[in-house]
Amino acid sequence: MTESTTTTGLELRGITKRFGPVVANSGIDLLIRPGEIHCLLGENGAGKSTLMNVLYGLLQPDEGEILIDGRPIRIDNPKDAMARGIGMVHQHFMLVEPFTVAENLMLGREESTAGVLSANRARTRVRELSERYKLSVDPDAVVEDLPVGVQQRVEIIKALANDADYLIFDEPTAVLTPQEIDELITVMRELRDEGKALVFITHKLREVREVADRTTVIRRGAVVGEAEPGATEAELAEMMVGRAISLTVDKEPARPTGARLQINDLTMTSPSGLVVVDEVSFEVEGGEILGLAGVQGNGQSELADALIGLAPVNSGSIVLDGRDITQLSPKQAIEAGIGFVPEDRKHDGFVGPFSVSENLILNQFDRPPFARGLALNGRAIADNAAKLIEEFDIRTGSAATPVQSLSGGNQQKVVLARELSRPLSLLVASQPTRGVDVGAIEFLHKRIVDERDKGTPVVIISTELDEILALSDRIAVMYRGRVVGIVPGDTGREVLGLMMAGVPYEEASSNV
């Protein structure tokens, strides 16, 4: 980019950021103009958040400079950024949950009278900004008592309270219902129309098309171009990945074979005693995919852990093919034919320093053909790896490569290949494509559908509503630990969004 020194706006020139041998940002130029919503689009790991963390002072660039209205500036920390009128709404909220909204606003800019902190100015400021932007936030509400969508409004108010002219929204829709996303987009447009400059970081193509005035696409740490305002989702995806891909899941109608998994009045509590799964009941038939939808934190993760024996159940039962599996250990659950794709693959899905071939037998390493007594059968392990690497298109230098060195999509392929490499009585996949590039998503979805078509009951847990709609034959919506309703897989987004906020199906469907 060759902008003159009289450029109006916030400009990044030649920003490069390295982490050891990894180049997260490579010579990035970006111009952020007042009165625009500028989308920064790219796959997970493309370098979007790193770039914005440089702009906000959380990271220091190795090369390049930042300018405002053509004048170079230095940003050593977030305080410097805020002083320059730059605010950031973080993907993971930076709020002190036991504090009130007003108290959170005071942090870092405490004002006192005779040594006593005064919250009145903060309360007044919250009310002013809340009314001005229709954010509807009570300054005296305790943050931990607020729904996730309202907590995000608090983050926006914190940024606006600093009189920010440049606002960075880092993956802001990750934990919102569709209705909350619509409300956020309305707020963003109002801020833009006031002359604010907004950067919207996302990997969701639908949202880019809805809100972007300009879109810059980043791939592997470098800018690959700007998308036209009318670009289709397919065109955006091709820019992100570098090749044409299909964004739809091709699947025939399900052919259910009768109930095989039965969840009966299941109740679970957290270590602190909070009820996280509250008398949940449903069935899954062989040859169908049941999607568990809901904003993250409504009991879906705990339910998935119970199915594989990772979390204790307080009451109720889990029955698979007529056998009560409620109290099985994870090893016993694996032996019962349950395949499990965990939501956090790095923590629960693989052993990073282990090779691809070793990770591909983690669920069968102690049995034939991979073991002979206490000795491992190297030939069988190598043959298994060669077969699965080819079948699942795992991009690796060799089967001996440590899994931690693979891309996120290839790490997920290793996990899924391992789980699908044996006959299954049940497949449970939690956030199956989180942190995976668009091209790998296409492949992973196909393999999940293939497993369904073998007659296996499949349970998918995902916070991505598009993924739930693409894969599910039926959808169970969870809210605060309970199943609000179970609906057909082609139920509308608006109805599902209301259900994700706790509205029963009959009421949700009548209000749309």
Protein backbone atom coordinates (compact mmCIF):
# COMPACT_ATOMS: atom_id res chain seq x y z
CA MET A 1 0.00 0.00 0.00
CA THR A 2 1.45 3.39 -0.92
CA GLU A 3 -0.64 5.88 1.05
CA SER A 4 0.65 9.41 1.46
CA THR A 5 1.47 10.93 4.86
CA THR A 6 -1.81 12.87 4.71
CA THR A 7 -3.89 9.70 4.89
CA THR A 8 -6.87 10.03 7.23
CA GLY A 9 -7.35 7.11 9.54
CA LEU A 10 -5.34 4.46 11.33
CA GLU A 11 -2.68 2.81 9.21
CA LEU A 12 -0.44 -0.22 9.65
CA ARG A 13 2.57 -0.33 7.34
CA GLY A 14 4.75 -3.39 6.83
CA ILE A 15 3.81 -5.03 10.13
CA THR A 16 5.80 -8.22 10.71
CA LYS A 17 5.59 -10.33 13.86
CA ARG A 18 7.57 -13.51 14.47
CA PHE A 19 7.37 -16.13 17.17
CA GLY A 20 10.68 -17.96 16.83
CA PRO A 21 10.74 -19.47 13.34
CA VAL A 22 7.00 -18.89 12.85
CA VAL A 23 6.04 -15.71 10.97
CA ALA A 24 2.57 -14.82 12.25
CA ASN A 25 2.36 -11.53 10.31
CA SER A 26 4.43 -10.82 7.19
CA GLY A 27 4.70 -7.24 5.96
CA ILE A 28 1.02 -6.42 6.46
CA ASP A 29 -0.40 -3.10 5.24
CA LEU A 30 -3.85 -2.09 6.46
CA LEU A 31 -5.79 1.18 6.40
CA ILE A 32 -8.68 1.65 8.84
CA ARG A 33 -10.89 4.59 7.90
CA PRO A 34 -13.45 6.50 10.00
CA GLY A 35 -17.06 5.72 9.13
CA GLU A 36 -16.31 2.17 7.95
CA ILE A 37 -16.72 -1.38 9.18
CA HIS A 38 -13.55 -3.06 7.95
CA CYS A 39 -13.70 -6.84 8.13
CA LEU A 40 -10.48 -8.75 8.65
CA LEU A 41 -11.25 -12.21 7.29
CA GLY A 42 -9.13 -15.31 7.56
CA GLU A 43 -9.00 -18.83 8.83
CA ASN A 44 -8.12 -19.62 12.41
CA GLY A 45 -4.37 -19.17 12.73
CA ALA A 46 -4.12 -16.85 9.72
CA GLY A 47 -2.69 -14.04 11.89
CA LYS A 48 -5.75 -11.79 12.35
CA SER A 49 -5.72 -11.62 16.15
CA THR A 50 -1.93 -11.30 16.26
CA LEU A 51 -2.16 -8.23 14.02
CA MET A 52 -4.81 -6.61 16.18
CA ASN A 53 -2.87 -7.45 19.36
CA VAL A 54 0.04 -5.53 17.84
CA LEU A 55 -2.28 -2.59 17.14
CA TYR A 56 -3.63 -2.67 20.71
CA GLY A 57 -0.18 -2.85 22.29
CA LEU A 58 -0.46 -6.40 23.60
CA LEU A 59 2.37 -7.43 21.26
CA GLN A 60 5.28 -5.49 19.79
CA PRO A 61 6.01 -5.78 16.04
CA ASP A 62 9.42 -6.91 14.84
CA GLU A 63 9.11 -4.64 11.80
CA GLY A 64 6.76 -1.94 10.51
CA GLU A 65 5.03 1.11 11.90
CA ILE A 66 1.62 2.39 12.99
CA LEU A 67 0.31 5.83 11.95
CA ILE A 68 -2.73 7.94 12.79
CA ASP A 69 -3.67 10.56 10.21
CA GLY A 70 -0.28 10.09 8.57
CA ARG A 71 1.77 10.59 11.77
CA PRO A 72 3.77 7.67 13.18
CA ILE A 73 2.86 6.68 16.72
CA ARG A 74 4.30 4.25 19.26
CA ILE A 75 2.04 1.83 21.16
CA ASP A 76 3.87 -0.04 23.93
CA ASN A 77 0.83 -1.31 25.83
CA PRO A 78 -2.99 -1.14 25.89
CA LYS A 79 -2.88 2.04 27.96
CA ASP A 80 -1.01 3.74 25.09
CA ALA A 81 -3.60 2.37 22.65
CA MET A 82 -6.50 3.72 24.70
CA ALA A 83 -4.79 7.11 24.96
CA ARG A 84 -4.66 7.13 21.15
CA GLY A 85 -8.39 6.41 20.91
CA ILE A 86 -8.08 2.69 20.15
CA GLY A 87 -10.44 0.31 21.96
CA MET A 88 -10.74 -3.47 21.78
CA VAL A 89 -13.68 -5.77 22.43
CA HIS A 90 -11.99 -9.06 23.20
CA GLN A 91 -13.22 -12.49 22.15
CA HIS A 92 -12.66 -13.69 25.73
CA PHE A 93 -14.15 -10.98 27.92
CA MET A 94 -11.74 -8.98 30.09
CA LEU A 95 -14.22 -8.46 32.93
CA VAL A 96 -14.00 -9.04 36.69
CA GLU A 97 -17.10 -11.14 37.17
CA PRO A 98 -17.85 -10.47 40.89
CA PHE A 99 -17.74 -6.70 40.20
CA THR A 100 -20.65 -4.57 39.01
CA VAL A 101 -20.73 -3.04 35.53
CA ALA A 102 -19.78 0.38 36.95
CA GLU A 103 -16.91 -1.10 38.96
CA ASN A 104 -15.55 -2.78 35.83
CA LEU A 105 -15.70 0.56 34.05
CA MET A 106 -13.64 2.17 36.84
CA LEU A 107 -10.77 -0.31 36.63
CA GLY A 108 -7.63 1.47 35.47
CA ARG A 109 -9.22 4.91 35.77
CA GLU A 110 -10.26 5.06 39.42
CA GLU A 111 -11.44 8.42 40.71
CA SER A 112 -11.71 9.16 44.42
CA THR A 113 -12.83 11.85 46.81
CA ALA A 114 -10.92 12.08 50.10
CA GLY A 115 -9.44 8.67 49.39
CA VAL A 116 -12.83 7.01 48.80
CA LEU A 117 -13.59 5.61 45.34
CA SER A 118 -16.57 7.26 43.70
CA ALA A 119 -18.67 5.03 41.46
CA ASN A 120 -21.27 7.70 40.67
CA ARG A 121 -19.43 9.02 37.61
CA ALA A 122 -18.98 5.49 36.31
CA ARG A 123 -22.69 4.75 36.82
CA THR A 124 -23.62 7.93 34.98
CA ARG A 125 -21.26 7.10 32.12
CA VAL A 126 -22.72 3.58 31.78
CA ARG A 127 -26.25 5.00 31.64
CA GLU A 128 -25.26 7.64 29.06
CA LEU A 129 -23.60 5.15 26.73
CA SER A 130 -26.28 2.54 27.29
CA GLU A 131 -29.04 4.95 26.30
CA ARG A 132 -27.09 6.49 23.42
CA TYR A 133 -26.37 3.15 21.73
CA LYS A 134 -29.44 1.24 22.98
CA LEU A 135 -27.21 -1.24 24.83
CA SER A 136 -29.56 -1.70 27.79
CA VAL A 137 -27.06 -2.32 30.59
CA ASP A 138 -27.71 -1.76 34.32
CA PRO A 139 -24.61 -0.12 35.88
CA ASP A 140 -25.27 -1.81 39.24
CA ALA A 141 -25.70 -5.34 37.82
CA VAL A 142 -23.06 -7.87 38.87
CA VAL A 143 -21.28 -9.08 35.75
CA GLU A 144 -21.36 -12.80 36.65
CA ASP A 145 -25.16 -12.60 36.84
CA LEU A 146 -25.49 -11.24 33.31
CA PRO A 147 -26.13 -13.30 30.16
CA VAL A 148 -23.18 -13.60 27.79
CA GLY A 149 -24.72 -11.21 25.28
CA VAL A 150 -25.09 -8.49 27.92
CA GLN A 151 -21.52 -9.08 29.12
CA GLN A 152 -20.38 -8.29 25.62
CA ARG A 153 -22.31 -5.01 25.75
CA VAL A 154 -20.33 -4.20 28.90
CA GLU A 155 -17.11 -4.77 26.95
CA ILE A 156 -18.34 -2.36 24.26
CA ILE A 157 -19.27 0.25 26.87
CA LYS A 158 -15.78 -0.07 28.41
CA ALA A 159 -14.21 0.67 25.03
CA LEU A 160 -16.56 3.58 24.32
CA ALA A 161 -16.00 5.06 27.77
CA ASN A 162 -12.42 5.79 26.70
CA ASP A 163 -13.78 7.90 23.81
CA ALA A 164 -12.38 5.38 21.34
CA ASP A 165 -12.46 6.44 17.71
CA TYR A 166 -11.10 3.08 16.52
CA LEU A 167 -12.84 -0.05 17.78
CA ILE A 168 -11.52 -3.58 17.29
CA PHE A 169 -14.04 -6.42 17.60
CA ASP A 170 -12.14 -9.73 17.92
CA GLU A 171 -14.41 -12.66 16.91
CA PRO A 172 -17.28 -10.97 18.80
CA THR A 173 -20.05 -13.39 17.75
CA ALA A 174 -18.45 -16.62 19.00
CA VAL A 175 -20.68 -16.92 22.10
CA LEU A 176 -23.85 -15.17 20.92
CA THR A 177 -27.25 -16.37 19.77
CA PRO A 178 -28.38 -15.30 16.27
CA GLN A 179 -30.61 -12.61 17.79
CA GLU A 180 -27.72 -11.26 19.88
CA ILE A 181 -25.57 -11.22 16.74
CA ASP A 182 -28.23 -9.12 14.98
CA GLU A 183 -28.29 -6.71 17.94
CA LEU A 184 -24.49 -6.43 17.87
CA ILE A 185 -24.50 -5.69 14.13
CA THR A 186 -27.08 -2.94 14.70
CA VAL A 187 -24.81 -1.37 17.35
CA MET A 188 -21.80 -1.61 15.05
CA ARG A 189 -23.67 0.14 12.25
CA GLU A 190 -24.73 2.95 14.60
CA LEU A 191 -21.12 3.41 15.70
CA ARG A 192 -19.99 3.49 12.08
CA ASP A 193 -22.65 6.05 11.18
CA GLU A 194 -21.32 8.28 13.99
CA GLY A 195 -17.95 8.25 12.29
CA LYS A 196 -16.21 5.57 14.34
CA ALA A 197 -13.78 3.24 12.56
CA LEU A 198 -14.50 -0.44 13.27
CA VAL A 199 -12.36 -3.51 12.64
CA PHE A 200 -14.39 -6.72 12.69
CA ILE A 201 -12.23 -9.86 12.99
CA THR A 202 -14.02 -13.02 11.94
CA HIS A 203 -13.86 -16.29 10.02
CA LYS A 204 -17.63 -16.41 9.46
CA LEU A 205 -18.49 -15.69 5.85
CA ARG A 206 -22.18 -14.97 6.47
CA GLU A 207 -21.37 -12.14 8.88
CA VAL A 208 -18.81 -10.58 6.54
CA ARG A 209 -21.36 -10.35 3.76
CA GLU A 210 -23.90 -8.81 6.12
CA VAL A 211 -21.82 -6.12 7.76
CA ALA A 212 -18.62 -5.31 5.82
CA ASP A 213 -17.99 -2.02 4.05
CA ARG A 214 -14.53 -3.31 3.15
CA THR A 215 -12.94 -6.73 3.59
CA THR A 216 -9.26 -7.58 3.79
CA VAL A 217 -8.41 -11.27 3.56
CA ILE A 218 -5.38 -12.69 5.38
CA ARG A 219 -3.91 -16.09 4.62
CA ARG A 220 -0.91 -17.57 6.42
CA GLY A 221 0.06 -14.25 7.93
CA ALA A 222 -0.08 -12.18 4.75
CA VAL A 223 -2.69 -10.04 3.03
CA VAL A 224 -3.90 -11.83 -0.11
CA GLY A 225 -6.27 -9.13 -1.27
CA GLU A 226 -9.43 -7.14 -0.68
CA ALA A 227 -12.80 -8.69 -1.44
CA GLU A 228 -15.41 -6.80 -3.41
CA PRO A 229 -18.44 -5.71 -1.32
CA GLY A 230 -20.73 -8.05 -3.27
CA ALA A 231 -18.44 -11.10 -3.10
CA THR A 232 -20.27 -14.38 -2.52
CA GLU A 233 -19.49 -16.73 0.37
CA ALA A 234 -17.87 -19.12 -2.11
CA GLU A 235 -15.62 -16.35 -3.43
CA LEU A 236 -14.64 -15.29 0.08
CA ALA A 237 -13.89 -18.90 1.02
CA GLU A 238 -11.69 -19.33 -2.04
CA MET A 239 -9.68 -16.24 -1.06
CA MET A 240 -9.30 -17.59 2.48
CA VAL A 241 -8.17 -21.07 1.43
CA GLY A 242 -6.60 -20.47 -1.96
CA ARG A 243 -8.79 -22.91 -3.86
CA ALA A 244 -12.44 -23.45 -4.72
CA ILE A 245 -14.38 -25.44 -2.11
CA SER A 246 -17.96 -26.52 -1.46
CA LEU A 247 -19.70 -24.81 1.46
CA THR A 248 -22.63 -27.23 1.59
CA VAL A 249 -22.79 -30.69 3.10
CA ASP A 250 -23.99 -33.18 0.52
CA LYS A 251 -26.04 -35.82 2.30
CA GLU A 252 -29.00 -38.00 1.57
CA PRO A 253 -31.98 -38.01 3.95
CA ALA A 254 -31.33 -40.07 7.08
CA ARG A 255 -32.55 -43.65 7.25
CA PRO A 256 -33.07 -44.13 11.01
CA THR A 257 -33.04 -47.70 12.29
CA GLY A 258 -34.55 -47.21 15.74
CA ALA A 259 -33.38 -45.80 19.07
CA ARG A 260 -29.90 -46.95 20.08
CA LEU A 261 -28.82 -44.24 22.53
CA GLN A 262 -31.20 -43.27 25.33
CA ILE A 263 -30.53 -40.47 27.81
CA ASN A 264 -32.96 -40.63 30.74
CA ASP A 265 -33.38 -37.75 33.22
CA LEU A 266 -29.63 -37.10 33.30
CA THR A 267 -28.45 -34.64 35.96
CA MET A 268 -24.88 -33.47 36.54
CA THR A 269 -23.31 -30.90 38.84
CA SER A 270 -20.07 -28.97 38.69
CA PRO A 271 -17.37 -29.41 41.38
CA SER A 272 -18.86 -26.38 43.16
CA GLY A 273 -22.31 -27.99 43.24
CA LEU A 274 -23.91 -25.99 40.42
CA VAL A 275 -26.38 -28.00 38.31
CA VAL A 276 -24.95 -27.99 34.78
CA VAL A 277 -27.12 -30.73 33.20
CA ASP A 278 -30.67 -30.70 34.51
CA GLU A 279 -32.86 -33.80 33.97
CA VAL A 280 -32.01 -34.12 30.28
CA SER A 281 -33.73 -36.83 28.24
CA PHE A 282 -33.54 -37.69 24.54
CA GLU A 283 -32.96 -40.59 22.14
CA VAL A 284 -30.68 -40.97 19.13
CA GLU A 285 -31.48 -43.50 16.42
CA GLY A 286 -29.01 -45.49 14.41
CA GLY A 287 -28.31 -43.78 11.09
CA GLU A 288 -29.11 -40.25 12.24
CA ILE A 289 -27.18 -37.21 13.44
CA LEU A 290 -28.57 -35.41 16.48
CA GLY A 291 -27.10 -31.94 16.86
CA LEU A 292 -26.85 -30.39 20.32
CA ALA A 293 -27.18 -26.63 19.79
CA GLY A 294 -26.76 -23.82 22.27
CA VAL A 295 -24.50 -21.00 23.32
CA GLN A 296 -21.35 -22.37 24.92
CA GLY A 297 -21.68 -23.01 28.65
CA ASN A 298 -25.21 -24.40 28.70
CA GLY A 299 -24.33 -28.00 29.58
CA GLN A 300 -23.41 -29.44 26.19
CA SER A 301 -19.73 -30.03 27.07
CA GLU A 302 -20.57 -31.76 30.33
CA LEU A 303 -23.11 -33.99 28.59
CA ALA A 304 -20.51 -34.99 25.99
CA ASP A 305 -18.03 -35.84 28.75
CA ALA A 306 -20.63 -38.02 30.46
CA LEU A 307 -21.15 -40.03 27.26
CA ILE A 308 -17.47 -41.03 27.20
CA GLY A 309 -17.10 -41.47 30.99
CA LEU A 310 -15.02 -38.34 31.59
CA ALA A 311 -17.48 -36.73 34.02
CA PRO A 312 -19.59 -38.23 36.83
CA VAL A 313 -23.38 -38.37 36.62
CA ASN A 314 -25.44 -37.47 39.69
CA SER A 315 -28.66 -39.15 38.61
CA GLY A 316 -30.38 -40.56 35.55
CA SER A 317 -28.98 -43.02 33.05
CA ILE A 318 -27.26 -43.44 29.69
CA VAL A 319 -28.25 -46.57 27.79
CA LEU A 320 -26.53 -47.70 24.58
CA ASP A 321 -27.93 -50.66 22.66
CA GLY A 322 -29.78 -51.81 25.77
CA ARG A 323 -26.71 -51.62 28.05
CA ASP A 324 -26.47 -49.11 30.90
CA ILE A 325 -23.16 -47.28 30.33
CA THR A 326 -23.71 -44.49 32.88
CA GLN A 327 -20.81 -45.45 35.13
CA LEU A 328 -18.30 -46.69 32.54
CA SER A 329 -14.73 -45.39 32.64
CA PRO A 330 -13.31 -43.81 29.47
CA LYS A 331 -11.42 -47.03 28.68
CA GLN A 332 -14.60 -49.08 29.13
CA ALA A 333 -16.53 -46.61 26.95
CA ILE A 334 -13.94 -46.99 24.18
CA GLU A 335 -14.21 -50.77 24.48
CA ALA A 336 -18.00 -50.41 24.18
CA GLY A 337 -17.44 -48.89 20.73
CA ILE A 338 -17.86 -45.19 21.51
CA GLY A 339 -15.84 -42.84 19.31
CA PHE A 340 -15.12 -39.43 20.82
CA VAL A 341 -13.86 -36.22 19.23
CA PRO A 342 -13.20 -33.80 22.13
CA GLU A 343 -13.78 -30.07 21.90
CA ASP A 344 -10.20 -29.30 22.97
CA ARG A 345 -8.07 -31.56 20.80
CA LYS A 346 -4.76 -30.26 22.14
CA HIS A 347 -5.74 -31.11 25.71
CA ASP A 348 -7.82 -34.24 25.21
CA GLY A 349 -7.48 -35.40 21.60
CA PHE A 350 -3.84 -36.23 21.05
CA VAL A 351 -0.39 -36.34 22.64
CA GLY A 352 1.52 -33.55 20.93
CA PRO A 353 5.08 -34.92 21.07
CA PHE A 354 3.91 -38.38 19.92
CA SER A 355 4.13 -39.21 16.23
CA VAL A 356 1.19 -39.35 13.85
CA SER A 357 1.40 -43.14 13.80
CA GLU A 358 1.40 -43.35 17.61
CA ASN A 359 -1.56 -40.99 17.95
CA LEU A 360 -3.53 -43.04 15.43
CA ILE A 361 -3.55 -46.04 17.81
CA LEU A 362 -4.04 -44.32 21.19
CA ASN A 363 -7.42 -46.03 21.60
CA GLN A 364 -6.15 -49.48 20.56
CA PHE A 365 -2.45 -49.56 21.45
CA ASP A 366 -2.83 -52.43 23.94
CA ARG A 367 -4.65 -54.91 21.72
CA PRO A 368 -4.00 -56.86 18.51
CA PRO A 369 -2.85 -56.20 15.90
CA PHE A 370 -0.94 -53.30 17.46
CA ALA A 371 0.30 -55.17 20.54
CA ARG A 372 1.68 -58.62 21.25
CA GLY A 373 1.56 -58.97 25.00
CA LEU A 374 3.66 -56.09 26.34
CA ALA A 375 5.39 -55.43 22.99
CA LEU A 376 4.11 -53.10 20.26
CA ASN A 377 3.87 -54.42 16.71
CA GLY A 378 5.76 -51.80 14.72
CA ARG A 379 4.79 -53.19 11.33
CA ALA A 380 1.04 -53.13 12.10
CA ILE A 381 1.32 -49.59 13.52
CA ALA A 382 3.15 -48.39 10.39
CA ASP A 383 0.69 -50.07 8.04
CA ASN A 384 -2.26 -48.55 9.95
CA ALA A 385 -0.70 -45.07 9.74
CA ALA A 386 0.00 -45.35 6.02
CA LYS A 387 -3.58 -46.42 5.34
CA LEU A 388 -5.22 -43.67 7.45
CA ILE A 389 -2.86 -40.91 6.26
CA GLU A 390 -3.93 -41.66 2.71
CA GLU A 391 -7.62 -42.22 3.47
CA PHE A 392 -8.00 -39.02 5.52
CA ASP A 393 -5.59 -36.93 3.45
CA ILE A 394 -3.46 -36.06 6.50
CA ARG A 395 -0.83 -33.59 5.28
CA THR A 396 2.36 -34.63 7.07
CA GLY A 397 5.98 -35.12 6.11
CA SER A 398 5.87 -38.66 7.45
CA ALA A 399 4.07 -40.90 9.93
CA ALA A 400 6.92 -40.16 12.37
CA THR A 401 6.16 -36.43 12.47
CA PRO A 402 5.01 -35.18 15.93
CA VAL A 403 1.32 -34.28 15.77
CA GLN A 404 1.96 -30.96 17.52
CA SER A 405 3.81 -29.75 14.40
CA LEU A 406 0.78 -30.27 12.11
CA SER A 407 -1.77 -27.60 11.21
CA GLY A 408 -5.03 -27.51 13.18
CA GLY A 409 -6.98 -29.13 10.37
CA ASN A 410 -4.52 -32.00 10.06
CA GLN A 411 -4.44 -32.49 13.83
CA GLN A 412 -8.23 -32.83 13.74
CA LYS A 413 -7.98 -35.29 10.86
CA VAL A 414 -5.66 -37.44 13.00
CA VAL A 415 -8.22 -37.44 15.83
CA LEU A 416 -11.15 -38.24 13.55
CA ALA A 417 -9.20 -40.89 11.61
CA ARG A 418 -8.33 -42.66 14.85
CA GLU A 419 -11.91 -42.62 16.12
CA LEU A 420 -13.40 -43.80 12.81
CA SER A 421 -10.81 -46.51 12.17
CA ARG A 422 -12.83 -49.14 14.05
CA PRO A 423 -16.49 -50.21 14.13
CA LEU A 424 -18.49 -47.80 16.31
CA SER A 425 -21.67 -48.16 18.32
CA LEU A 426 -21.81 -44.38 18.86
CA LEU A 427 -19.90 -41.33 17.60
CA VAL A 428 -19.77 -38.22 19.80
CA ALA A 429 -18.09 -35.23 18.15
CA SER A 430 -17.77 -32.03 20.17
CA GLN A 431 -16.86 -28.87 18.22
CA PRO A 432 -15.58 -31.14 15.41
CA THR A 433 -14.25 -28.32 13.23
CA ARG A 434 -13.18 -25.70 15.80
CA GLY A 435 -9.97 -24.01 14.68
CA VAL A 436 -10.02 -25.92 11.38
CA ASP A 437 -9.59 -24.31 7.97
CA VAL A 438 -12.52 -24.15 5.58
CA GLY A 439 -11.08 -26.80 3.27
CA ALA A 440 -10.63 -29.34 6.08
CA ILE A 441 -14.16 -28.63 7.35
CA GLU A 442 -15.55 -29.84 4.03
CA PHE A 443 -13.67 -33.14 4.41
CA LEU A 444 -14.46 -33.68 8.11
CA HIS A 445 -18.18 -33.09 7.57
CA LYS A 446 -18.23 -35.67 4.79
CA ARG A 447 -16.63 -38.31 7.02
CA ILE A 448 -19.12 -37.67 9.82
CA VAL A 449 -22.01 -38.09 7.38
CA ASP A 450 -20.39 -41.26 6.04
CA GLU A 451 -20.39 -42.68 9.59
CA ARG A 452 -24.08 -41.86 9.92
CA ASP A 453 -24.76 -43.65 6.67
CA LYS A 454 -23.15 -46.79 8.08
CA GLY A 455 -26.00 -46.87 10.61
CA THR A 456 -24.10 -45.39 13.54
CA PRO A 457 -25.93 -43.00 15.90
CA VAL A 458 -24.06 -39.68 15.88
CA VAL A 459 -24.19 -36.83 18.40
CA ILE A 460 -22.69 -33.49 17.27
CA ILE A 461 -22.08 -30.68 19.77
CA SER A 462 -21.28 -27.34 18.15
CA THR A 463 -21.62 -23.65 18.95
CA GLU A 464 -21.53 -22.93 15.20
CA LEU A 465 -25.19 -22.82 14.21
CA ASP A 466 -24.30 -23.18 10.52
CA GLU A 467 -22.55 -26.46 11.34
CA ILE A 468 -25.52 -27.74 13.34
CA LEU A 469 -27.88 -26.91 10.47
CA ALA A 470 -25.59 -28.46 7.86
CA LEU A 471 -25.11 -31.79 9.62
CA SER A 472 -28.12 -32.49 11.84
CA ASP A 473 -31.14 -34.64 11.04
CA ARG A 474 -32.67 -33.49 14.33
CA ILE A 475 -31.59 -30.70 16.69
CA ALA A 476 -31.82 -30.64 20.50
CA VAL A 477 -31.41 -27.11 21.87
CA MET A 478 -29.90 -26.68 25.34
CA TYR A 479 -30.30 -23.70 27.62
CA ARG A 480 -29.03 -23.55 31.20
CA GLY A 481 -28.57 -27.28 31.37
CA ARG A 482 -31.99 -28.27 30.06
CA VAL A 483 -33.26 -29.35 26.65
CA VAL A 484 -35.62 -26.58 25.52
CA GLY A 485 -36.89 -28.71 22.64
CA ILE A 486 -35.98 -31.19 19.92
CA VAL A 487 -36.80 -30.01 16.41
CA PRO A 488 -36.24 -31.11 12.78
CA GLY A 489 -32.87 -30.41 11.19
CA ASP A 490 -34.35 -27.87 8.77
CA THR A 491 -35.77 -25.62 11.52
CA GLY A 492 -35.15 -21.92 10.78
CA ARG A 493 -32.23 -19.99 12.28
CA GLU A 494 -34.55 -17.46 13.90
CA VAL A 495 -36.51 -20.13 15.75
CA LEU A 496 -33.32 -21.87 16.88
CA GLY A 497 -31.88 -18.55 18.02
CA LEU A 498 -34.89 -17.88 20.25
CA MET A 499 -34.69 -21.41 21.65
CA MET A 500 -30.98 -20.88 22.40
CA ALA A 501 -32.12 -17.96 24.57
CA GLY A 502 -34.51 -20.26 26.48
CA VAL A 503 -37.75 -19.74 24.55
CA PRO A 504 -39.77 -22.99 24.14
CA TYR A 505 -40.27 -24.19 20.56
CA GLU A 506 -44.01 -23.46 20.38
CA GLU A 507 -43.50 -19.86 21.49
CA ALA A 508 -40.38 -19.39 19.34
CA SER A 509 -42.08 -20.68 16.19
CA SER A 510 -45.12 -18.48 16.74
CA ASN A 511 -42.97 -15.36 17.17
CA VAL A 512 -41.10 -15.75 13.86
